[in-house]
Amino acid sequence: MTSRAPAGQLDASERFFDLVWSTSRRNPEWEARVIRLIFEIKGMELEGIRDRSRIVSRMAQEIAEMQAEGWERRQRAEDRMFGSMVASIRGVETYRNPATGETVTLSSEYGRAWVNNRGEYLVSDSPGFDPNVALREEWKSLERVGR
């Protein structure tokens, strides 16, 4: 408890303050309610701290995932560019068998490629050439990858 009075009148007010002090009574029920309220407020503050911590943690995880995805996209793009450059230097091109999905690397000097049921490949740059007619056996046309 504190007492306050205008300058120079503290001693004169001392009897009044003693009277006020002597009439005050403790109320254990009120004190318990105040303490419970303080604990509730502290609990809410602690829960708020936990919530903010979870939010910060989740945000950091999402940022890390975005950075990893960006890195992976850049790596895939660099791999494609490097693969194209190497294929160009080697003079090859990738073809896909539409029936099986398998890919094969063949010379890029020819415009078309086929595969037969024995796994043999045939390439040609002649626009009218059809190995099914010319060789009288079954050949499946391959698709160029990336076109």
N, C-alpha and C. Protein backbone atom coordinates (compact mmCIF):
# COMPACT_ATOMS: atom_id res chain seq x y z
N MET A 1 0.85 -1.17 0.00
CA MET A 1 0.00 0.00 0.00
C MET A 1 0.89 1.24 0.00
N THR A 2 0.46 2.25 -0.70
CA THR A 2 1.23 3.48 -0.74
C THR A 2 0.36 4.64 -0.30
N SER A 3 1.01 5.70 0.16
CA SER A 3 0.31 6.92 0.60
C SER A 3 0.87 8.08 -0.18
N ARG A 4 -0.03 9.06 -0.44
CA ARG A 4 0.40 10.22 -1.19
C ARG A 4 -0.31 11.45 -0.64
N ALA A 5 0.44 12.53 -0.60
CA ALA A 5 -0.14 13.79 -0.12
C ALA A 5 0.58 14.94 -0.79
N PRO A 6 -0.03 16.13 -0.81
CA PRO A 6 0.66 17.28 -1.39
C PRO A 6 1.96 17.55 -0.64
N ALA A 7 2.89 18.18 -1.31
CA ALA A 7 4.21 18.46 -0.72
C ALA A 7 4.06 19.18 0.61
N GLY A 8 4.77 18.65 1.63
CA GLY A 8 4.78 19.25 2.97
C GLY A 8 3.60 18.85 3.83
N GLN A 9 2.64 18.04 3.37
CA GLN A 9 1.46 17.67 4.16
C GLN A 9 1.40 16.18 4.47
N LEU A 10 2.46 15.44 4.16
CA LEU A 10 2.46 13.99 4.40
C LEU A 10 2.33 13.68 5.89
N ASP A 11 3.09 14.40 6.74
CA ASP A 11 3.03 14.13 8.19
C ASP A 11 1.64 14.43 8.73
N ALA A 12 1.00 15.48 8.26
CA ALA A 12 -0.32 15.86 8.75
C ALA A 12 -1.37 14.85 8.31
N SER A 13 -1.16 14.18 7.19
CA SER A 13 -2.13 13.21 6.68
C SER A 13 -1.92 11.82 7.23
N GLU A 14 -0.89 11.63 8.05
CA GLU A 14 -0.52 10.29 8.53
C GLU A 14 -1.65 9.65 9.33
N ARG A 15 -2.37 10.40 10.15
CA ARG A 15 -3.48 9.82 10.94
C ARG A 15 -4.59 9.32 10.02
N PHE A 16 -4.85 10.09 8.97
CA PHE A 16 -5.88 9.67 8.02
C PHE A 16 -5.48 8.36 7.33
N PHE A 17 -4.21 8.31 6.93
CA PHE A 17 -3.73 7.09 6.27
C PHE A 17 -3.76 5.90 7.21
N ASP A 18 -3.41 6.11 8.45
CA ASP A 18 -3.48 5.02 9.45
C ASP A 18 -4.92 4.53 9.60
N LEU A 19 -5.88 5.45 9.58
CA LEU A 19 -7.28 5.08 9.71
C LEU A 19 -7.73 4.23 8.52
N VAL A 20 -7.36 4.68 7.33
CA VAL A 20 -7.72 3.91 6.13
C VAL A 20 -7.10 2.53 6.19
N TRP A 21 -5.84 2.47 6.53
CA TRP A 21 -5.13 1.19 6.60
C TRP A 21 -5.74 0.26 7.64
N SER A 22 -6.15 0.80 8.77
CA SER A 22 -6.68 -0.04 9.85
C SER A 22 -8.06 -0.58 9.53
N THR A 23 -8.78 0.03 8.59
CA THR A 23 -10.12 -0.46 8.25
C THR A 23 -10.12 -1.43 7.07
N SER A 24 -8.98 -1.59 6.45
CA SER A 24 -8.95 -2.52 5.31
C SER A 24 -8.92 -3.96 5.80
N ARG A 25 -9.56 -4.85 5.05
CA ARG A 25 -9.61 -6.28 5.41
C ARG A 25 -9.22 -7.11 4.20
N ARG A 26 -8.54 -8.20 4.45
CA ARG A 26 -8.20 -9.14 3.38
C ARG A 26 -9.43 -9.95 3.04
N ASN A 27 -9.59 -10.26 1.77
CA ASN A 27 -10.68 -11.09 1.32
C ASN A 27 -10.07 -12.27 0.55
N PRO A 28 -9.89 -13.42 1.23
CA PRO A 28 -9.24 -14.57 0.59
C PRO A 28 -9.97 -15.04 -0.68
N GLU A 29 -11.28 -14.95 -0.72
CA GLU A 29 -12.02 -15.35 -1.90
C GLU A 29 -11.67 -14.44 -3.08
N TRP A 30 -11.64 -13.14 -2.83
CA TRP A 30 -11.27 -12.18 -3.88
C TRP A 30 -9.84 -12.42 -4.34
N GLU A 31 -8.92 -12.64 -3.41
CA GLU A 31 -7.53 -12.89 -3.76
C GLU A 31 -7.40 -14.15 -4.64
N ALA A 32 -8.18 -15.19 -4.30
CA ALA A 32 -8.14 -16.44 -5.07
C ALA A 32 -8.67 -16.19 -6.49
N ARG A 33 -9.75 -15.40 -6.61
CA ARG A 33 -10.28 -15.08 -7.94
C ARG A 33 -9.27 -14.28 -8.77
N VAL A 34 -8.59 -13.34 -8.11
CA VAL A 34 -7.59 -12.54 -8.82
C VAL A 34 -6.44 -13.44 -9.28
N ILE A 35 -6.00 -14.34 -8.41
CA ILE A 35 -4.90 -15.26 -8.76
C ILE A 35 -5.32 -16.17 -9.92
N ARG A 36 -6.58 -16.71 -9.86
CA ARG A 36 -7.07 -17.54 -10.96
C ARG A 36 -7.09 -16.76 -12.27
N LEU A 37 -7.54 -15.52 -12.22
CA LEU A 37 -7.59 -14.68 -13.41
C LEU A 37 -6.18 -14.45 -13.96
N ILE A 38 -5.23 -14.21 -13.10
CA ILE A 38 -3.83 -14.02 -13.52
C ILE A 38 -3.33 -15.28 -14.21
N PHE A 39 -3.62 -16.46 -13.62
CA PHE A 39 -3.19 -17.72 -14.23
C PHE A 39 -3.89 -17.95 -15.59
N GLU A 40 -5.17 -17.59 -15.69
CA GLU A 40 -5.87 -17.73 -16.97
C GLU A 40 -5.24 -16.84 -18.04
N ILE A 41 -4.95 -15.61 -17.65
CA ILE A 41 -4.32 -14.67 -18.60
C ILE A 41 -2.95 -15.21 -19.02
N LYS A 42 -2.16 -15.68 -18.07
CA LYS A 42 -0.84 -16.24 -18.40
C LYS A 42 -0.99 -17.47 -19.29
N GLY A 43 -2.02 -18.29 -19.04
CA GLY A 43 -2.26 -19.46 -19.89
C GLY A 43 -2.60 -19.06 -21.31
N MET A 44 -3.43 -18.01 -21.45
CA MET A 44 -3.77 -17.52 -22.79
C MET A 44 -2.52 -16.96 -23.48
N GLU A 45 -1.69 -16.25 -22.73
CA GLU A 45 -0.45 -15.72 -23.31
C GLU A 45 0.44 -16.86 -23.77
N LEU A 46 0.55 -17.91 -22.95
CA LEU A 46 1.38 -19.06 -23.31
C LEU A 46 0.83 -19.76 -24.56
N GLU A 47 -0.50 -19.92 -24.63
CA GLU A 47 -1.10 -20.55 -25.81
C GLU A 47 -0.85 -19.69 -27.05
N GLY A 48 -0.91 -18.37 -26.89
CA GLY A 48 -0.60 -17.48 -28.01
C GLY A 48 0.84 -17.64 -28.47
N ILE A 49 1.75 -17.79 -27.52
CA ILE A 49 3.16 -18.01 -27.87
C ILE A 49 3.30 -19.33 -28.62
N ARG A 50 2.61 -20.38 -28.16
CA ARG A 50 2.66 -21.68 -28.84
C ARG A 50 2.10 -21.57 -30.27
N ASP A 51 0.96 -20.87 -30.40
CA ASP A 51 0.36 -20.70 -31.73
C ASP A 51 1.32 -19.98 -32.67
N ARG A 52 1.92 -18.90 -32.20
CA ARG A 52 2.85 -18.15 -33.04
C ARG A 52 4.06 -19.01 -33.40
N SER A 53 4.51 -19.82 -32.46
CA SER A 53 5.65 -20.70 -32.72
C SER A 53 5.29 -21.72 -33.80
N ARG A 54 4.08 -22.29 -33.73
CA ARG A 54 3.63 -23.25 -34.75
C ARG A 54 3.54 -22.56 -36.11
N ILE A 55 3.03 -21.34 -36.13
CA ILE A 55 2.89 -20.61 -37.39
C ILE A 55 4.26 -20.34 -37.99
N VAL A 56 5.20 -19.89 -37.17
CA VAL A 56 6.56 -19.61 -37.65
C VAL A 56 7.21 -20.89 -38.16
N SER A 57 7.03 -21.98 -37.43
CA SER A 57 7.61 -23.27 -37.82
C SER A 57 7.02 -23.74 -39.15
N ARG A 58 5.70 -23.65 -39.28
CA ARG A 58 5.04 -24.06 -40.52
C ARG A 58 5.50 -23.19 -41.69
N MET A 59 5.62 -21.89 -41.45
CA MET A 59 6.06 -20.98 -42.50
C MET A 59 7.48 -21.32 -42.94
N ALA A 60 8.36 -21.59 -41.97
CA ALA A 60 9.74 -21.96 -42.31
C ALA A 60 9.77 -23.25 -43.12
N GLN A 61 8.93 -24.21 -42.76
CA GLN A 61 8.88 -25.47 -43.50
C GLN A 61 8.38 -25.24 -44.93
N GLU A 62 7.35 -24.40 -45.09
CA GLU A 62 6.82 -24.12 -46.42
C GLU A 62 7.86 -23.39 -47.27
N ILE A 63 8.59 -22.47 -46.67
CA ILE A 63 9.64 -21.75 -47.41
C ILE A 63 10.72 -22.73 -47.85
N ALA A 64 11.12 -23.63 -46.94
CA ALA A 64 12.14 -24.62 -47.28
C ALA A 64 11.65 -25.52 -48.42
N GLU A 65 10.38 -25.91 -48.39
CA GLU A 65 9.82 -26.76 -49.46
C GLU A 65 9.81 -26.00 -50.79
N MET A 66 9.43 -24.71 -50.74
CA MET A 66 9.42 -23.91 -51.98
C MET A 66 10.84 -23.76 -52.54
N GLN A 67 11.80 -23.55 -51.65
CA GLN A 67 13.19 -23.44 -52.11
C GLN A 67 13.66 -24.76 -52.73
N ALA A 68 13.31 -25.88 -52.10
CA ALA A 68 13.71 -27.19 -52.62
C ALA A 68 13.05 -27.45 -53.98
N GLU A 69 11.76 -27.11 -54.10
CA GLU A 69 11.07 -27.30 -55.38
C GLU A 69 11.69 -26.43 -56.46
N GLY A 70 12.04 -25.19 -56.12
CA GLY A 70 12.69 -24.30 -57.08
C GLY A 70 14.03 -24.85 -57.52
N TRP A 71 14.79 -25.36 -56.56
CA TRP A 71 16.10 -25.94 -56.88
C TRP A 71 15.91 -27.14 -57.81
N GLU A 72 14.93 -28.00 -57.50
CA GLU A 72 14.69 -29.19 -58.33
C GLU A 72 14.26 -28.79 -59.74
N ARG A 73 13.38 -27.78 -59.87
CA ARG A 73 12.96 -27.32 -61.20
C ARG A 73 14.16 -26.80 -61.99
N ARG A 74 15.02 -26.03 -61.32
CA ARG A 74 16.21 -25.50 -62.01
C ARG A 74 17.13 -26.65 -62.44
N GLN A 75 17.29 -27.65 -61.58
CA GLN A 75 18.14 -28.79 -61.92
C GLN A 75 17.58 -29.56 -63.11
N ARG A 76 16.24 -29.76 -63.13
CA ARG A 76 15.62 -30.47 -64.27
C ARG A 76 15.82 -29.68 -65.56
N ALA A 77 15.65 -28.35 -65.47
CA ALA A 77 15.84 -27.51 -66.67
C ALA A 77 17.29 -27.58 -67.14
N GLU A 78 18.23 -27.50 -66.19
CA GLU A 78 19.65 -27.59 -66.56
C GLU A 78 19.98 -28.96 -67.14
N ASP A 79 19.40 -30.01 -66.57
CA ASP A 79 19.62 -31.37 -67.10
C ASP A 79 19.11 -31.48 -68.54
N ARG A 80 17.91 -30.91 -68.80
CA ARG A 80 17.37 -30.96 -70.17
C ARG A 80 18.28 -30.19 -71.13
N MET A 81 18.71 -28.99 -70.70
CA MET A 81 19.57 -28.19 -71.59
C MET A 81 20.89 -28.90 -71.84
N PHE A 82 21.48 -29.46 -70.79
CA PHE A 82 22.74 -30.17 -70.94
C PHE A 82 22.55 -31.40 -71.81
N GLY A 83 21.45 -32.14 -71.60
CA GLY A 83 21.17 -33.32 -72.41
C GLY A 83 21.00 -32.97 -73.87
N SER A 84 20.30 -31.85 -74.14
CA SER A 84 20.13 -31.41 -75.54
C SER A 84 21.47 -31.04 -76.15
N MET A 85 22.31 -30.36 -75.38
CA MET A 85 23.61 -29.95 -75.88
C MET A 85 24.47 -31.18 -76.19
N VAL A 86 24.48 -32.16 -75.28
CA VAL A 86 25.27 -33.38 -75.48
C VAL A 86 24.74 -34.15 -76.69
N ALA A 87 23.40 -34.26 -76.81
CA ALA A 87 22.82 -34.97 -77.96
C ALA A 87 23.20 -34.27 -79.26
N SER A 88 23.21 -32.95 -79.26
CA SER A 88 23.59 -32.20 -80.45
C SER A 88 25.05 -32.45 -80.81
N ILE A 89 25.91 -32.43 -79.82
CA ILE A 89 27.35 -32.69 -80.06
C ILE A 89 27.54 -34.11 -80.58
N ARG A 90 26.83 -35.07 -80.01
CA ARG A 90 26.98 -36.46 -80.42
C ARG A 90 26.27 -36.76 -81.74
N GLY A 91 25.35 -35.88 -82.17
CA GLY A 91 24.60 -36.12 -83.40
C GLY A 91 23.53 -37.18 -83.23
N VAL A 92 22.88 -37.19 -82.08
CA VAL A 92 21.83 -38.19 -81.83
C VAL A 92 20.54 -37.50 -81.42
N GLU A 93 19.46 -38.27 -81.45
CA GLU A 93 18.16 -37.78 -81.04
C GLU A 93 17.43 -38.92 -80.33
N THR A 94 16.55 -38.56 -79.40
CA THR A 94 15.81 -39.57 -78.64
C THR A 94 14.46 -39.81 -79.30
N TYR A 95 14.12 -41.09 -79.44
CA TYR A 95 12.83 -41.51 -80.00
C TYR A 95 12.10 -42.34 -78.96
N ARG A 96 10.76 -42.28 -79.02
CA ARG A 96 9.92 -43.05 -78.09
C ARG A 96 9.06 -44.00 -78.89
N ASN A 97 8.97 -45.25 -78.39
CA ASN A 97 8.06 -46.24 -78.96
C ASN A 97 6.68 -45.96 -78.36
N PRO A 98 5.70 -45.50 -79.16
CA PRO A 98 4.39 -45.15 -78.60
C PRO A 98 3.65 -46.36 -78.02
N ALA A 99 3.98 -47.55 -78.46
CA ALA A 99 3.30 -48.75 -77.95
C ALA A 99 3.78 -49.13 -76.56
N THR A 100 5.09 -48.94 -76.29
CA THR A 100 5.65 -49.38 -75.01
C THR A 100 6.09 -48.23 -74.11
N GLY A 101 6.30 -47.05 -74.70
CA GLY A 101 6.80 -45.91 -73.93
C GLY A 101 8.31 -45.91 -73.77
N GLU A 102 8.98 -46.95 -74.24
CA GLU A 102 10.45 -47.03 -74.14
C GLU A 102 11.08 -45.99 -75.06
N THR A 103 12.25 -45.51 -74.66
CA THR A 103 12.97 -44.55 -75.48
C THR A 103 14.30 -45.14 -75.93
N VAL A 104 14.79 -44.62 -77.06
CA VAL A 104 16.05 -45.08 -77.63
C VAL A 104 16.73 -43.87 -78.26
N THR A 105 18.05 -43.86 -78.25
CA THR A 105 18.82 -42.79 -78.87
C THR A 105 19.36 -43.29 -80.21
N LEU A 106 19.01 -42.54 -81.27
CA LEU A 106 19.44 -42.91 -82.62
C LEU A 106 20.07 -41.69 -83.30
N SER A 107 20.68 -41.90 -84.43
CA SER A 107 21.32 -40.82 -85.19
C SER A 107 20.30 -39.74 -85.54
N SER A 108 20.75 -38.49 -85.46
CA SER A 108 19.87 -37.37 -85.81
C SER A 108 19.97 -37.00 -87.29
N GLU A 109 20.73 -37.78 -88.05
CA GLU A 109 20.89 -37.50 -89.48
C GLU A 109 19.64 -37.87 -90.27
N TYR A 110 18.73 -38.65 -89.69
CA TYR A 110 17.57 -39.15 -90.40
C TYR A 110 16.31 -38.55 -89.81
N GLY A 111 15.30 -38.44 -90.61
CA GLY A 111 14.06 -37.80 -90.18
C GLY A 111 13.06 -38.74 -89.53
N ARG A 112 13.15 -40.05 -89.81
CA ARG A 112 12.17 -40.99 -89.27
C ARG A 112 12.86 -42.25 -88.77
N ALA A 113 12.20 -42.94 -87.84
CA ALA A 113 12.75 -44.19 -87.29
C ALA A 113 11.62 -45.16 -87.00
N TRP A 114 11.92 -46.46 -87.09
CA TRP A 114 10.96 -47.53 -86.83
C TRP A 114 11.63 -48.62 -85.99
N VAL A 115 10.81 -49.46 -85.39
CA VAL A 115 11.29 -50.64 -84.65
C VAL A 115 10.42 -51.83 -85.05
N ASN A 116 11.08 -53.02 -85.11
CA ASN A 116 10.30 -54.22 -85.43
C ASN A 116 10.13 -55.05 -84.15
N ASN A 117 9.46 -56.20 -84.28
CA ASN A 117 9.18 -57.03 -83.10
C ASN A 117 10.43 -57.74 -82.57
N ARG A 118 11.55 -57.69 -83.30
CA ARG A 118 12.82 -58.27 -82.82
C ARG A 118 13.68 -57.22 -82.09
N GLY A 119 13.17 -55.99 -82.01
CA GLY A 119 13.92 -54.92 -81.34
C GLY A 119 14.95 -54.26 -82.22
N GLU A 120 14.84 -54.45 -83.53
CA GLU A 120 15.77 -53.83 -84.48
C GLU A 120 15.22 -52.47 -84.89
N TYR A 121 16.13 -51.54 -85.11
CA TYR A 121 15.73 -50.19 -85.49
C TYR A 121 16.13 -49.92 -86.93
N LEU A 122 15.32 -49.09 -87.57
CA LEU A 122 15.56 -48.70 -88.96
C LEU A 122 15.33 -47.18 -89.03
N VAL A 123 16.26 -46.46 -89.66
CA VAL A 123 16.13 -45.01 -89.82
C VAL A 123 16.19 -44.66 -91.29
N SER A 124 15.50 -43.58 -91.66
CA SER A 124 15.48 -43.16 -93.06
C SER A 124 15.18 -41.67 -93.12
N ASP A 125 15.71 -41.00 -94.15
CA ASP A 125 15.36 -39.60 -94.36
C ASP A 125 14.52 -39.45 -95.63
N SER A 126 14.11 -40.55 -96.21
CA SER A 126 13.28 -40.54 -97.41
C SER A 126 11.82 -40.36 -97.00
N PRO A 127 11.15 -39.29 -97.44
CA PRO A 127 9.79 -39.01 -96.99
C PRO A 127 8.78 -40.08 -97.39
N GLY A 128 8.93 -40.74 -98.50
CA GLY A 128 7.95 -41.73 -98.95
C GLY A 128 8.26 -43.15 -98.52
N PHE A 129 9.34 -43.37 -97.82
CA PHE A 129 9.76 -44.73 -97.46
C PHE A 129 8.86 -45.30 -96.36
N ASP A 130 8.38 -46.53 -96.57
CA ASP A 130 7.58 -47.25 -95.58
C ASP A 130 8.16 -48.65 -95.46
N PRO A 131 8.83 -48.98 -94.35
CA PRO A 131 9.46 -50.29 -94.24
C PRO A 131 8.45 -51.44 -94.23
N ASN A 132 7.21 -51.18 -93.84
CA ASN A 132 6.18 -52.23 -93.86
C ASN A 132 5.93 -52.71 -95.29
N VAL A 133 6.02 -51.79 -96.24
CA VAL A 133 5.81 -52.12 -97.65
C VAL A 133 7.13 -52.61 -98.26
N ALA A 134 8.19 -51.83 -98.06
CA ALA A 134 9.48 -52.13 -98.71
C ALA A 134 10.08 -53.44 -98.21
N LEU A 135 9.96 -53.74 -96.93
CA LEU A 135 10.60 -54.94 -96.36
C LEU A 135 9.61 -56.06 -96.09
N ARG A 136 8.34 -55.79 -96.26
CA ARG A 136 7.27 -56.78 -96.09
C ARG A 136 7.30 -57.46 -94.72
N GLU A 137 7.49 -56.65 -93.71
CA GLU A 137 7.36 -57.12 -92.32
C GLU A 137 6.84 -55.96 -91.49
N GLU A 138 6.46 -56.26 -90.24
CA GLU A 138 5.82 -55.24 -89.41
C GLU A 138 6.85 -54.35 -88.71
N TRP A 139 6.76 -53.05 -88.98
CA TRP A 139 7.60 -52.03 -88.33
C TRP A 139 6.69 -50.97 -87.74
N LYS A 140 7.01 -50.54 -86.51
CA LYS A 140 6.23 -49.48 -85.84
C LYS A 140 7.03 -48.19 -85.87
N SER A 141 6.35 -47.12 -86.25
CA SER A 141 6.99 -45.81 -86.32
C SER A 141 7.28 -45.29 -84.90
N LEU A 142 8.47 -44.74 -84.70
CA LEU A 142 8.85 -44.14 -83.42
C LEU A 142 8.60 -42.64 -83.46
N GLU A 143 8.34 -42.04 -82.29
CA GLU A 143 8.12 -40.60 -82.19
C GLU A 143 9.36 -39.92 -81.66
N ARG A 144 9.69 -38.78 -82.25
CA ARG A 144 10.79 -37.99 -81.70
C ARG A 144 10.37 -37.38 -80.37
N VAL A 145 11.24 -37.46 -79.40
CA VAL A 145 10.95 -36.89 -78.08
C VAL A 145 11.36 -35.42 -78.14
N GLY A 146 10.49 -34.54 -77.61
CA GLY A 146 10.84 -33.13 -77.55
C GLY A 146 10.37 -32.35 -78.75
N ARG A 147 9.65 -32.95 -79.63
CA ARG A 147 9.12 -32.19 -80.78
C ARG A 147 7.64 -32.12 -80.72
